[in-house]
Amino acid sequence: MKKWLATSLTMALSTSMILTACSTKPTVEPSSSANSTTPTVSTTPAKKGDISVSVYDRGSIPAAEGTLEDNRWTKFINENGPANVKYVPIPRNDAAQKFNVLFASGSAPDIINEFDPNIVNPLIDQKQLMPLNDLIDKNSVEYKKVLQDYPALKKVATSPDGKMYKIGRVLESFPSYAVFVRADWLKKLNLDVPKTTEDLYKVAKAFAEQDPDGNGKKDTYGMALSFRSEFAIDMMFGNPVEMYGLVNDQPSRAFENAKLATEFKKRLFDEGLIDKDFVNDKNGAKAKQDYLNGKLGIFPTFVGSWFDSTVTDIQTLKKTVPDADVIPIALPKSPVGEFIPDVQSPVQMTTAINAKTKDPVAAIKYIDFINRVSTGTSLLFGLEGTHYKKDANGCPQIIDPNKTKAEISWAGDYAQSYSRLLLGKCSFFQNQFNPDIPEQKAGLDMFNKAESLYLDSTKKYRFVTLQELIPSFPKDMQTSFNTVKKQITDTWLKAVLSGDKYTVDQAFKDVQTSWDKAGGKQMDDFIIEWYKTSKDSSFMMKDLWETVAKQAQMKK
């Protein structure tokens, strides 16, 4: 692992894909290398196979762009790729339920795009997914080369039986959450940047009660708590939620930390410092709109695109509040220490192939097509000259942020298995910003500040290791775990919403009881034994920080 970390993080830059039309015009054939700079064009297209592919439904595609199944990028893939693809939407917040229904009915797609090992691993145990070693060896070009160039990817993908059932990708490690604060409100109310969770509460209270927007109305929220904003609060308190953290160097569900996080959320709710209807804001859209409309002071959030968060969103906010000033802040210190937010894993399993697929060769060729730099560049940045131009270093640079947001920002899930580090230096977020444009220079400064705050190896991380790399439970434990984790989530939420009728202390007792009845000790023992025997050979936090250091060198 360390040898790989020290030597492997370099790949060449390729140019964007040449758009071609369908059967009556030249078609783009798979290249002979993951580093191919120009697609090979053939006037006699090969016969295409028919496959179905899952894609996350995040509710983010603009109506003007069509549907997840039929839009400019599904057409692009079908016109230029090696297969006729039918896309199957999977609700991002209910993927497990949807996949269960699809597999039970025999209608699961051929290619399964899913990050969660708790969904994928049971499918492996049930022999619902195809072993891929021979298929890759005999029929893959691009993905096979990725495995050769990044040995850690193959290591993480290989199951205990020696077979690979998962396709993975390599990409930049970056903070995937942030806490954005209205600095102009801090200044107006003579408040300091919050350093502790108690400070954060006081600032949220002031933002909700002291009319920071100066309109004479009590119509501002101190903080967001809906959807993934709540996860960011959990991070501050080292709450691993349904995963495992480290307590005294031993894996733990850390229910004490969850109790602290719940007490904080309840305080915000009881005092009316957040939107009281946050539970019904299922995807965080309402909180995001409050933020963009200038009515939200503290916005803890998942960051899918740092460019969108620091440029496009700020421009939208400034249309309503021209003097708005937003800054990222470090996760405030809680009673259990200082933590960093969740971080994108540099080695990530993303995809699998249904064992019942009728055309596995078409499936692996599709994955090869997605793993071409030209394809990935198109799906992440759009078309050269239309959505991006190349800077002096040959890196894609966004031309119009609003056009990119409308036409490109939602397309990344079609490139779920694409190894983004294949773009070399250009794969890093800093290269998406044009420092010659003031708004983008400000966005770049925000991103660099966030990285310095969040990629801090001196602080704690709420998980044992990157969450995708924590093993799933054996089949006999997984069903119990899936049931009890929902019970636990519902119990903590009940404590937040119930006022004095149901206290956090009672919830804490009930959570522990539920866990014990579900066989929690056996689950704990399984993870503790894995950690004891595998921590020296698995990808752990020390490996992440070495990777971050190596990637920092690549960026220079």
Protein backbone atom coordinates (compact mmCIF):
# COMPACT_ATOMS: atom_id res chain seq x y z
CA MET A 1 0.00 0.00 0.00
CA LYS A 2 2.68 2.50 1.02
CA LYS A 3 4.71 1.66 -2.06
CA TRP A 4 1.67 2.30 -4.20
CA LEU A 5 0.93 5.55 -2.40
CA ALA A 6 4.47 6.70 -3.05
CA THR A 7 4.62 5.85 -6.72
CA SER A 8 1.32 5.49 -8.48
CA LEU A 9 -0.64 8.74 -8.45
CA THR A 10 0.23 9.98 -11.93
CA MET A 11 -1.63 9.64 -15.20
CA ALA A 12 -1.61 11.54 -18.48
CA LEU A 13 -4.07 14.17 -19.62
CA SER A 14 -6.38 13.36 -22.49
CA THR A 15 -8.54 15.64 -24.58
CA SER A 16 -12.32 15.70 -24.62
CA MET A 17 -14.43 13.34 -26.65
CA ILE A 18 -15.34 14.10 -30.23
CA LEU A 19 -19.11 14.13 -30.52
CA THR A 20 -20.44 12.01 -33.33
CA ALA A 21 -23.87 11.09 -34.46
CA CYS A 22 -25.40 7.63 -34.68
CA SER A 23 -25.38 4.85 -37.26
CA THR A 24 -25.20 6.93 -40.44
CA LYS A 25 -22.16 8.86 -39.21
CA PRO A 26 -18.78 7.83 -37.78
CA THR A 27 -18.92 6.34 -34.29
CA VAL A 28 -16.39 6.48 -31.49
CA GLU A 29 -14.72 3.13 -30.86
CA PRO A 30 -13.01 2.16 -27.59
CA SER A 31 -9.42 3.31 -27.44
CA SER A 32 -6.51 0.96 -26.83
CA SER A 33 -5.42 2.75 -23.67
CA ALA A 34 -6.86 4.61 -20.73
CA ASN A 35 -4.50 7.41 -21.70
CA SER A 36 -5.63 7.74 -25.30
CA THR A 37 -5.74 11.38 -26.30
CA THR A 38 -7.95 11.01 -29.37
CA PRO A 39 -10.86 8.62 -29.99
CA THR A 40 -10.39 6.27 -32.92
CA VAL A 41 -13.09 6.81 -35.52
CA SER A 42 -14.58 3.98 -37.56
CA THR A 43 -17.12 4.37 -40.34
CA THR A 44 -18.38 0.82 -39.72
CA PRO A 45 -19.82 0.69 -36.22
CA ALA A 46 -19.61 -2.56 -34.34
CA LYS A 47 -22.87 -4.18 -33.32
CA LYS A 48 -23.93 -2.85 -29.95
CA GLY A 49 -25.19 -4.96 -27.11
CA ASP A 50 -28.19 -4.04 -24.98
CA ILE A 51 -27.68 -3.36 -21.28
CA SER A 52 -29.42 -1.63 -18.39
CA VAL A 53 -27.57 0.57 -15.91
CA SER A 54 -28.64 2.01 -12.57
CA VAL A 55 -28.20 5.73 -11.91
CA TYR A 56 -28.89 7.66 -8.72
CA ASP A 57 -31.99 9.83 -8.69
CA ARG A 58 -31.06 12.85 -6.57
CA GLY A 59 -33.91 15.02 -7.81
CA SER A 60 -31.36 17.44 -9.22
CA ILE A 61 -31.90 17.32 -12.97
CA PRO A 62 -33.61 20.49 -14.27
CA ALA A 63 -36.95 19.89 -15.96
CA ALA A 64 -35.66 21.56 -19.10
CA GLU A 65 -32.98 18.88 -19.41
CA GLY A 66 -35.40 15.96 -19.52
CA THR A 67 -35.39 12.92 -17.25
CA LEU A 68 -32.71 10.68 -15.81
CA GLU A 69 -33.53 8.13 -18.49
CA ASP A 70 -33.60 10.56 -21.41
CA ASN A 71 -31.45 13.68 -21.58
CA ARG A 72 -28.48 15.14 -23.42
CA TRP A 73 -26.00 12.86 -21.61
CA THR A 74 -27.90 9.59 -21.96
CA LYS A 75 -28.12 10.39 -25.67
CA PHE A 76 -24.40 11.22 -25.73
CA ILE A 77 -23.53 7.88 -24.13
CA ASN A 78 -25.82 5.88 -26.39
CA GLU A 79 -24.61 7.61 -29.54
CA ASN A 80 -20.92 7.31 -28.73
CA GLY A 81 -20.65 4.28 -26.47
CA PRO A 82 -20.36 0.56 -27.23
CA ALA A 83 -23.83 -0.43 -26.01
CA ASN A 84 -27.48 0.52 -26.15
CA VAL A 85 -28.12 1.62 -22.58
CA LYS A 86 -31.38 1.80 -20.67
CA TYR A 87 -31.00 3.72 -17.41
CA VAL A 88 -32.84 2.67 -14.25
CA PRO A 89 -33.31 5.47 -11.66
CA ILE A 90 -32.47 4.58 -8.05
CA PRO A 91 -33.66 6.97 -5.30
CA ARG A 92 -30.44 8.16 -3.65
CA ASN A 93 -31.99 8.17 -0.19
CA ASP A 94 -33.66 4.78 -0.51
CA ALA A 95 -31.27 2.77 -2.66
CA ALA A 96 -31.35 -0.38 -0.50
CA GLN A 97 -35.14 -0.68 -0.71
CA LYS A 98 -35.18 -0.11 -4.46
CA PHE A 99 -32.44 -2.65 -5.17
CA ASN A 100 -34.14 -5.20 -2.90
CA VAL A 101 -37.33 -4.86 -4.91
CA LEU A 102 -35.52 -5.04 -8.25
CA PHE A 103 -33.51 -8.12 -7.38
CA ALA A 104 -36.48 -9.86 -5.77
CA SER A 105 -38.55 -9.32 -8.93
CA GLY A 106 -35.75 -10.39 -11.26
CA SER A 107 -35.65 -6.96 -12.90
CA ALA A 108 -32.41 -5.56 -11.50
CA PRO A 109 -30.27 -3.73 -14.05
CA ASP A 110 -27.19 -5.32 -15.61
CA ILE A 111 -24.83 -2.74 -14.13
CA ILE A 112 -25.28 -1.76 -10.49
CA ASN A 113 -23.88 1.65 -9.59
CA GLU A 114 -23.86 1.72 -5.80
CA PHE A 115 -21.34 3.00 -3.25
CA ASP A 116 -22.74 1.42 -0.10
CA PRO A 117 -21.02 -1.88 0.81
CA ASN A 118 -23.98 -2.70 3.06
CA ILE A 119 -26.04 -2.95 -0.11
CA VAL A 120 -23.47 -4.54 -2.41
CA ASN A 121 -21.81 -7.07 -0.10
CA PRO A 122 -25.01 -8.99 0.72
CA LEU A 123 -25.64 -9.27 -3.03
CA ILE A 124 -22.21 -10.90 -3.35
CA ASP A 125 -23.06 -13.34 -0.56
CA GLN A 126 -26.32 -14.17 -2.34
CA LYS A 127 -24.41 -14.78 -5.61
CA GLN A 128 -26.43 -12.04 -7.27
CA LEU A 129 -23.31 -10.35 -8.62
CA MET A 130 -20.86 -11.61 -11.20
CA PRO A 131 -17.18 -12.39 -10.45
CA LEU A 132 -15.22 -10.16 -12.80
CA ASN A 133 -11.62 -11.42 -12.93
CA ASP A 134 -11.92 -13.39 -16.19
CA LEU A 135 -14.28 -10.87 -17.79
CA ILE A 136 -11.80 -8.07 -17.16
CA ASP A 137 -8.77 -10.10 -18.24
CA LYS A 138 -10.32 -11.18 -21.54
CA ASN A 139 -12.48 -8.21 -22.54
CA SER A 140 -11.33 -5.03 -20.81
CA VAL A 141 -8.75 -2.52 -21.99
CA GLU A 142 -9.24 0.72 -20.06
CA TYR A 143 -10.32 -0.64 -16.70
CA LYS A 144 -7.74 -3.41 -16.77
CA LYS A 145 -5.05 -0.76 -17.16
CA VAL A 146 -6.44 1.21 -14.22
CA LEU A 147 -6.10 -1.91 -12.07
CA GLN A 148 -2.52 -2.35 -13.25
CA ASP A 149 -1.59 1.25 -12.55
CA TYR A 150 -3.30 1.41 -9.14
CA PRO A 151 -2.69 -1.91 -7.33
CA ALA A 152 -4.50 -0.70 -4.20
CA LEU A 153 -7.70 -0.54 -6.23
CA LYS A 154 -7.46 -4.25 -7.03
CA LYS A 155 -6.57 -5.00 -3.41
CA VAL A 156 -9.64 -3.23 -2.08
CA ALA A 157 -11.85 -4.79 -4.79
CA THR A 158 -10.79 -8.37 -4.12
CA SER A 159 -13.08 -10.36 -1.82
CA PRO A 160 -11.89 -12.97 0.69
CA ASP A 161 -12.55 -15.70 -1.93
CA GLY A 162 -9.96 -14.08 -4.20
CA LYS A 163 -12.48 -12.85 -6.74
CA MET A 164 -13.37 -9.30 -7.74
CA TYR A 165 -17.07 -8.51 -7.72
CA LYS A 166 -16.73 -4.72 -7.70
CA ILE A 167 -15.49 -2.07 -10.08
CA GLY A 168 -13.74 0.85 -8.41
CA ARG A 169 -12.21 4.21 -9.15
CA VAL A 170 -9.33 6.39 -7.99
CA LEU A 171 -9.90 10.06 -7.33
CA GLU A 172 -8.84 13.09 -5.35
CA SER A 173 -9.24 13.07 -1.59
CA PHE A 174 -11.08 16.22 -0.61
CA PRO A 175 -13.49 17.32 2.13
CA SER A 176 -16.99 16.20 1.20
CA TYR A 177 -18.70 18.38 3.82
CA ALA A 178 -18.32 21.98 4.92
CA VAL A 179 -19.82 24.44 7.37
CA PHE A 180 -20.52 27.74 5.62
CA VAL A 181 -21.22 30.83 7.76
CA ARG A 182 -22.45 34.31 6.86
CA ALA A 183 -19.41 36.35 7.89
CA ASP A 184 -21.27 39.62 7.20
CA TRP A 185 -23.81 38.59 9.86
CA LEU A 186 -21.01 37.84 12.30
CA LYS A 187 -19.62 41.29 11.70
CA LYS A 188 -22.98 43.03 11.99
CA LEU A 189 -23.77 41.34 15.33
CA ASN A 190 -20.18 41.73 16.60
CA LEU A 191 -19.66 37.97 16.88
CA ASP A 192 -16.49 35.94 16.51
CA VAL A 193 -16.12 32.86 14.31
CA PRO A 194 -17.38 29.99 16.52
CA LYS A 195 -14.55 27.80 17.79
CA THR A 196 -16.58 25.39 19.95
CA THR A 197 -19.99 23.79 19.66
CA GLU A 198 -21.17 26.04 22.49
CA ASP A 199 -19.99 29.05 20.46
CA LEU A 200 -21.84 27.62 17.48
CA TYR A 201 -25.07 27.42 19.47
CA LYS A 202 -24.70 31.04 20.61
CA VAL A 203 -24.06 32.27 17.07
CA ALA A 204 -27.04 30.28 15.74
CA LYS A 205 -29.20 31.83 18.47
CA ALA A 206 -28.07 35.33 17.56
CA PHE A 207 -28.65 34.72 13.86
CA ALA A 208 -32.19 33.52 14.57
CA GLU A 209 -33.18 36.18 17.10
CA GLN A 210 -31.27 39.40 16.42
CA ASP A 211 -32.46 40.31 12.90
CA PRO A 212 -29.09 39.92 11.14
CA ASP A 213 -30.55 40.81 7.73
CA GLY A 214 -31.94 44.09 9.13
CA ASN A 215 -35.44 43.82 7.70
CA GLY A 216 -37.17 44.25 11.06
CA LYS A 217 -38.65 40.74 10.97
CA LYS A 218 -37.81 37.53 12.80
CA ASP A 219 -37.53 35.52 9.60
CA THR A 220 -34.00 34.10 9.65
CA TYR A 221 -32.78 30.67 10.70
CA GLY A 222 -29.67 30.24 12.78
CA MET A 223 -28.64 26.92 11.28
CA ALA A 224 -29.80 24.17 8.94
CA LEU A 225 -30.49 20.69 10.31
CA SER A 226 -32.27 18.91 7.47
CA PHE A 227 -30.87 15.98 5.51
CA ARG A 228 -27.08 16.07 5.29
CA SER A 229 -26.76 19.20 7.40
CA GLU A 230 -27.58 16.92 10.31
CA PHE A 231 -24.69 14.63 9.36
CA ALA A 232 -22.27 17.55 9.67
CA ILE A 233 -23.47 18.10 13.24
CA ASP A 234 -22.79 14.41 13.92
CA MET A 235 -19.25 14.89 12.63
CA MET A 236 -18.58 17.66 15.15
CA PHE A 237 -19.42 15.27 17.98
CA GLY A 238 -17.63 12.25 16.54
CA ASN A 239 -20.92 10.42 16.05
CA PRO A 240 -20.41 7.60 13.52
CA VAL A 241 -24.21 7.15 13.29
CA GLU A 242 -24.62 3.61 11.90
CA MET A 243 -20.90 2.98 11.43
CA TYR A 244 -18.02 2.59 13.87
CA GLY A 245 -15.66 5.16 15.31
CA LEU A 246 -12.59 4.78 17.48
CA VAL A 247 -12.89 5.22 21.24
CA ASN A 248 -9.66 4.58 23.15
CA ASP A 249 -8.23 2.98 19.98
CA GLN A 250 -11.02 0.43 19.74
CA PRO A 251 -13.95 0.36 17.32
CA SER A 252 -17.15 1.55 18.96
CA ARG A 253 -20.65 2.61 18.00
CA ALA A 254 -19.88 5.59 20.25
CA PHE A 255 -23.43 6.01 21.53
CA GLU A 256 -22.15 8.52 24.09
CA ASN A 257 -21.08 10.75 21.21
CA ALA A 258 -24.45 10.26 19.54
CA LYS A 259 -26.10 11.37 22.77
CA LEU A 260 -24.10 14.62 22.78
CA ALA A 261 -24.98 15.29 19.15
CA THR A 262 -28.68 14.65 19.86
CA GLU A 263 -28.64 17.02 22.83
CA PHE A 264 -27.20 19.74 20.59
CA LYS A 265 -29.81 19.16 17.86
CA LYS A 266 -32.63 19.15 20.43
CA ARG A 267 -31.41 22.46 21.85
CA LEU A 268 -31.57 24.04 18.42
CA PHE A 269 -35.03 22.60 17.78
CA ASP A 270 -36.56 23.43 21.15
CA GLU A 271 -35.41 27.07 20.96
CA GLY A 272 -36.62 27.56 17.39
CA LEU A 273 -33.17 28.27 15.96
CA ILE A 274 -33.74 25.98 12.98
CA ASP A 275 -36.61 25.27 10.62
CA LYS A 276 -39.08 23.34 12.79
CA ASP A 277 -40.16 21.36 9.74
CA PHE A 278 -36.64 20.14 8.97
CA VAL A 279 -37.70 16.47 9.08
CA ASN A 280 -39.85 16.93 5.99
CA ASP A 281 -37.03 18.57 4.06
CA LYS A 282 -36.02 15.12 2.84
CA ASN A 283 -33.29 16.16 0.40
CA GLY A 284 -32.25 19.45 2.00
CA ALA A 285 -33.69 21.51 -0.86
CA LYS A 286 -35.61 23.84 1.46
CA ALA A 287 -32.52 24.54 3.59
CA LYS A 288 -30.47 25.17 0.46
CA GLN A 289 -33.07 27.62 -0.80
CA ASP A 290 -33.13 29.43 2.54
CA TYR A 291 -29.36 29.76 2.30
CA LEU A 292 -29.45 31.06 -1.27
CA ASN A 293 -32.26 33.48 -0.38
CA GLY A 294 -30.21 35.01 2.42
CA LYS A 295 -32.30 33.61 5.29
CA LEU A 296 -29.86 31.09 6.76
CA GLY A 297 -26.78 31.97 8.81
CA ILE A 298 -24.98 28.64 9.30
CA PHE A 299 -25.17 26.07 6.51
CA PRO A 300 -23.52 22.72 7.30
CA THR A 301 -23.75 20.80 4.03
CA PHE A 302 -22.53 18.03 1.80
CA VAL A 303 -20.38 19.42 -1.00
CA GLY A 304 -20.75 17.52 -4.25
CA SER A 305 -19.03 20.22 -6.31
CA TRP A 306 -16.73 22.73 -4.68
CA PHE A 307 -17.02 24.93 -7.75
CA ASP A 308 -20.81 25.06 -7.45
CA SER A 309 -20.63 25.69 -3.70
CA THR A 310 -18.03 28.45 -3.84
CA VAL A 311 -18.83 30.13 -7.15
CA THR A 312 -22.29 29.34 -8.53
CA ASP A 313 -24.09 29.30 -5.18
CA ILE A 314 -22.34 32.46 -3.98
CA GLN A 315 -23.31 34.27 -7.18
CA THR A 316 -26.92 33.17 -6.65
CA LEU A 317 -26.88 34.40 -3.05
CA LYS A 318 -25.38 37.74 -4.08
CA LYS A 319 -28.23 38.36 -6.51
CA THR A 320 -30.47 38.56 -3.44
CA VAL A 321 -27.92 39.93 -0.97
CA PRO A 322 -25.14 41.74 -2.87
CA ASP A 323 -23.07 42.31 0.28
CA ALA A 324 -23.28 38.71 1.51
CA ASP A 325 -19.95 37.31 2.68
CA VAL A 326 -19.69 33.55 3.20
CA ILE A 327 -16.75 31.74 4.78
CA PRO A 328 -16.04 28.08 5.55
CA ILE A 329 -15.22 27.39 9.19
CA ALA A 330 -13.53 24.44 10.89
CA LEU A 331 -15.84 22.01 12.64
CA PRO A 332 -16.15 23.57 16.10
CA LYS A 333 -14.57 21.67 18.98
CA SER A 334 -17.06 19.55 20.91
CA PRO A 335 -16.72 18.04 24.40
CA VAL A 336 -15.16 14.93 22.78
CA GLY A 337 -12.57 16.78 20.70
CA GLU A 338 -11.91 18.38 17.32
CA PHE A 339 -12.92 16.46 14.21
CA ILE A 340 -12.58 16.82 10.47
CA PRO A 341 -15.60 16.30 8.22
CA ASP A 342 -16.04 13.24 6.05
CA VAL A 343 -13.42 12.92 3.32
CA GLN A 344 -13.68 11.49 -0.16
CA SER A 345 -11.90 8.14 -0.32
CA PRO A 346 -9.11 8.03 -2.94
CA VAL A 347 -9.96 4.36 -3.59
CA GLN A 348 -13.67 3.82 -3.94
CA MET A 349 -15.81 0.87 -4.99
CA THR A 350 -18.67 2.10 -7.14
CA THR A 351 -20.07 -0.56 -9.45
CA ALA A 352 -20.92 -4.24 -9.95
CA ILE A 353 -22.41 -6.44 -12.67
CA ASN A 354 -25.59 -8.46 -12.21
CA ALA A 355 -24.87 -12.19 -12.32
CA LYS A 356 -27.88 -12.62 -14.63
CA THR A 357 -26.81 -10.12 -17.25
CA LYS A 358 -27.23 -11.58 -20.72
CA ASP A 359 -24.34 -9.68 -22.27
CA PRO A 360 -21.49 -9.31 -19.75
CA VAL A 361 -19.06 -8.36 -22.53
CA ALA A 362 -21.22 -5.37 -23.44
CA ALA A 363 -21.33 -4.47 -19.75
CA ILE A 364 -17.55 -4.46 -19.29
CA LYS A 365 -17.08 -2.58 -22.57
CA TYR A 366 -19.51 0.04 -21.28
CA ILE A 367 -17.43 0.33 -18.09
CA ASP A 368 -14.34 0.69 -20.28
CA PHE A 369 -16.07 3.45 -22.22
CA ILE A 370 -16.90 5.29 -18.99
CA ASN A 371 -13.25 4.91 -17.93
CA ARG A 372 -11.95 6.72 -20.99
CA VAL A 373 -10.59 10.15 -20.13
CA SER A 374 -12.51 11.58 -23.06
CA THR A 375 -15.81 10.22 -21.74
CA GLY A 376 -15.14 11.27 -18.16
CA THR A 377 -14.12 14.76 -19.26
CA SER A 378 -17.35 15.17 -21.20
CA LEU A 379 -19.60 13.94 -18.39
CA LEU A 380 -17.87 16.04 -15.74
CA PHE A 381 -17.04 19.20 -17.70
CA GLY A 382 -19.22 19.10 -20.81
CA LEU A 383 -18.10 19.87 -24.33
CA GLU A 384 -14.97 21.81 -25.16
CA GLY A 385 -15.83 25.23 -26.54
CA THR A 386 -19.38 25.00 -25.25
CA HIS A 387 -18.97 24.35 -21.54
CA TYR A 388 -15.25 24.61 -20.98
CA LYS A 389 -12.04 25.77 -22.53
CA LYS A 390 -8.52 24.65 -21.77
CA ASP A 391 -6.21 26.78 -19.69
CA ALA A 392 -2.47 27.20 -20.20
CA ASN A 393 -1.89 23.79 -18.58
CA GLY A 394 -4.41 22.07 -20.84
CA CYS A 395 -6.94 21.66 -18.03
CA PRO A 396 -10.71 22.10 -18.53
CA GLN A 397 -11.85 25.50 -17.33
CA ILE A 398 -15.53 26.33 -16.98
CA ILE A 399 -16.75 29.07 -19.32
CA ASP A 400 -20.17 29.89 -17.86
CA PRO A 401 -20.89 28.62 -14.31
CA ASN A 402 -24.64 28.96 -14.73
CA LYS A 403 -24.64 26.98 -17.97
CA THR A 404 -22.48 24.33 -16.33
CA LYS A 405 -24.80 24.12 -13.35
CA ALA A 406 -27.85 23.72 -15.57
CA GLU A 407 -26.40 21.32 -18.12
CA ILE A 408 -23.48 19.49 -16.45
CA SER A 409 -23.61 19.56 -12.65
CA TRP A 410 -26.09 16.68 -12.42
CA ALA A 411 -24.34 14.43 -14.97
CA GLY A 412 -21.56 13.09 -12.75
CA ASP A 413 -23.55 10.01 -11.70
CA TYR A 414 -23.37 8.72 -15.27
CA ALA A 415 -19.58 8.67 -14.75
CA GLN A 416 -19.79 6.91 -11.39
CA SER A 417 -17.11 4.32 -12.19
CA TYR A 418 -14.76 6.79 -13.91
CA SER A 419 -11.33 7.05 -12.25
CA ARG A 420 -11.02 10.79 -12.04
CA LEU A 421 -7.30 10.80 -11.31
CA LEU A 422 -6.79 9.67 -14.91
CA LEU A 423 -6.96 13.34 -15.80
CA GLY A 424 -3.66 13.84 -13.96
CA LYS A 425 -3.05 17.29 -12.52
CA CYS A 426 -6.21 18.49 -14.19
CA SER A 427 -8.29 16.15 -12.06
CA PHE A 428 -7.89 18.34 -8.98
CA PHE A 429 -10.57 20.84 -8.01
CA GLN A 430 -8.21 23.82 -8.01
CA ASN A 431 -7.89 23.56 -11.77
CA GLN A 432 -11.61 24.08 -12.29
CA PHE A 433 -11.29 27.70 -11.19
CA ASN A 434 -10.12 30.52 -13.43
CA PRO A 435 -8.21 32.92 -11.14
CA ASP A 436 -8.47 35.66 -13.75
CA ILE A 437 -12.22 35.90 -13.09
CA PRO A 438 -12.84 37.62 -9.71
CA GLU A 439 -15.78 35.41 -8.71
CA GLN A 440 -13.79 32.28 -9.46
CA LYS A 441 -10.68 33.61 -7.74
CA ALA A 442 -12.83 34.16 -4.64
CA GLY A 443 -14.22 30.64 -4.98
CA LEU A 444 -10.71 29.21 -5.29
CA ASP A 445 -9.67 31.06 -2.15
CA MET A 446 -12.68 29.61 -0.32
CA PHE A 447 -11.82 26.10 -1.45
CA ASN A 448 -8.15 26.43 -0.47
CA LYS A 449 -9.22 27.74 2.93
CA ALA A 450 -11.61 24.83 3.38
CA GLU A 451 -8.90 22.30 2.51
CA SER A 452 -6.54 23.83 5.05
CA LEU A 453 -9.27 23.63 7.71
CA TYR A 454 -10.61 20.19 6.92
CA LEU A 455 -7.65 18.13 5.72
CA ASP A 456 -5.96 18.37 9.10
CA SER A 457 -4.26 15.18 10.25
CA THR A 458 -3.95 16.47 13.82
CA LYS A 459 -7.73 16.22 14.30
CA LYS A 460 -9.96 13.22 14.80
CA TYR A 461 -12.10 11.40 12.24
CA ARG A 462 -15.49 10.03 13.22
CA PHE A 463 -14.96 6.63 11.56
CA VAL A 464 -12.42 3.85 12.12
CA THR A 465 -11.32 4.45 8.54
CA LEU A 466 -13.00 5.76 5.40
CA GLN A 467 -16.51 4.47 5.76
CA GLU A 468 -16.68 2.48 2.50
CA LEU A 469 -13.68 0.47 3.67
CA ILE A 470 -15.20 -0.67 6.96
CA PRO A 471 -16.30 -4.28 6.33
CA SER A 472 -19.94 -5.28 6.19
CA PHE A 473 -21.31 -7.80 8.64
CA PRO A 474 -21.67 -11.46 7.72
CA LYS A 475 -25.03 -12.42 6.31
CA ASP A 476 -26.36 -13.73 9.62
CA MET A 477 -25.78 -10.36 11.30
CA GLN A 478 -26.68 -8.03 8.46
CA THR A 479 -30.46 -8.39 8.66
CA SER A 480 -30.47 -7.65 12.39
CA PHE A 481 -28.20 -4.67 11.82
CA ASN A 482 -30.40 -3.23 9.07
CA THR A 483 -33.41 -3.43 11.37
CA VAL A 484 -31.81 -2.04 14.51
CA LYS A 485 -30.07 0.88 12.79
CA LYS A 486 -33.45 2.28 11.74
CA GLN A 487 -34.79 1.80 15.26
CA ILE A 488 -31.81 3.71 16.64
CA THR A 489 -32.15 6.54 14.12
CA ASP A 490 -35.86 6.87 14.91
CA THR A 491 -35.17 6.85 18.65
CA TRP A 492 -32.68 9.73 18.49
CA LEU A 493 -35.03 11.71 16.23
CA LYS A 494 -37.93 11.16 18.61
CA ALA A 495 -35.85 12.69 21.40
CA VAL A 496 -35.16 15.78 19.29
CA LEU A 497 -38.82 16.32 18.40
CA SER A 498 -40.61 15.35 21.62
CA GLY A 499 -39.87 18.22 23.98
CA ASP A 500 -40.03 17.11 27.61
CA LYS A 501 -42.14 14.05 26.79
CA TYR A 502 -39.16 11.96 25.73
CA THR A 503 -35.71 12.94 26.93
CA VAL A 504 -32.32 12.35 25.38
CA ASP A 505 -31.33 10.40 28.49
CA GLN A 506 -34.23 8.02 27.94
CA ALA A 507 -33.37 7.73 24.25
CA PHE A 508 -29.80 6.84 25.19
CA LYS A 509 -31.04 3.98 27.40
CA ASP A 510 -33.47 2.78 24.74
CA VAL A 511 -30.78 2.84 22.05
CA GLN A 512 -28.46 0.70 24.16
CA THR A 513 -31.31 -1.72 24.90
CA SER A 514 -32.21 -2.00 21.21
CA TRP A 515 -28.59 -2.62 20.30
CA ASP A 516 -28.14 -5.32 22.93
CA LYS A 517 -31.36 -7.11 21.93
CA ALA A 518 -30.31 -7.09 18.27
CA GLY A 519 -27.05 -8.88 19.05
CA GLY A 520 -24.96 -5.75 19.20
CA LYS A 521 -22.18 -7.41 21.17
CA GLN A 522 -21.60 -9.95 18.40
CA MET A 523 -21.52 -7.16 15.82
CA ASP A 524 -19.09 -5.17 17.96
CA ASP A 525 -16.87 -8.22 18.41
CA PHE A 526 -16.81 -8.79 14.65
CA ILE A 527 -15.60 -5.25 13.90
CA ILE A 528 -13.16 -5.24 16.83
CA GLU A 529 -11.61 -8.51 15.60
CA TRP A 530 -11.37 -7.15 12.04
CA TYR A 531 -9.62 -4.04 13.33
CA LYS A 532 -7.25 -6.05 15.49
CA THR A 533 -6.19 -8.37 12.67
CA SER A 534 -6.43 -6.04 9.66
CA LYS A 535 -5.51 -2.52 10.73
CA ASP A 536 -1.90 -2.95 9.62
CA SER A 537 -2.80 -4.35 6.20
CA SER A 538 -5.95 -2.36 5.40
CA PHE A 539 -6.34 1.20 4.17
CA MET A 540 -6.51 3.24 7.37
CA MET A 541 -6.33 6.93 8.22
CA LYS A 542 -2.51 6.97 8.18
CA ASP A 543 -2.74 5.82 4.56
CA LEU A 544 -5.22 8.55 3.77
CA TRP A 545 -2.90 11.24 5.10
CA GLU A 546 -0.01 9.82 3.08
CA THR A 547 -2.23 9.90 0.00
CA VAL A 548 -3.29 13.49 0.70
CA ALA A 549 0.38 14.47 1.00
CA LYS A 550 1.23 12.79 -2.32
CA GLN A 551 -1.71 14.42 -4.05
CA ALA A 552 -0.63 17.79 -2.69
CA GLN A 553 2.68 17.29 -4.49
CA MET A 554 0.84 16.43 -7.71
CA LYS A 555 -1.06 19.71 -7.58
CA LYS A 556 2.10 21.83 -7.65
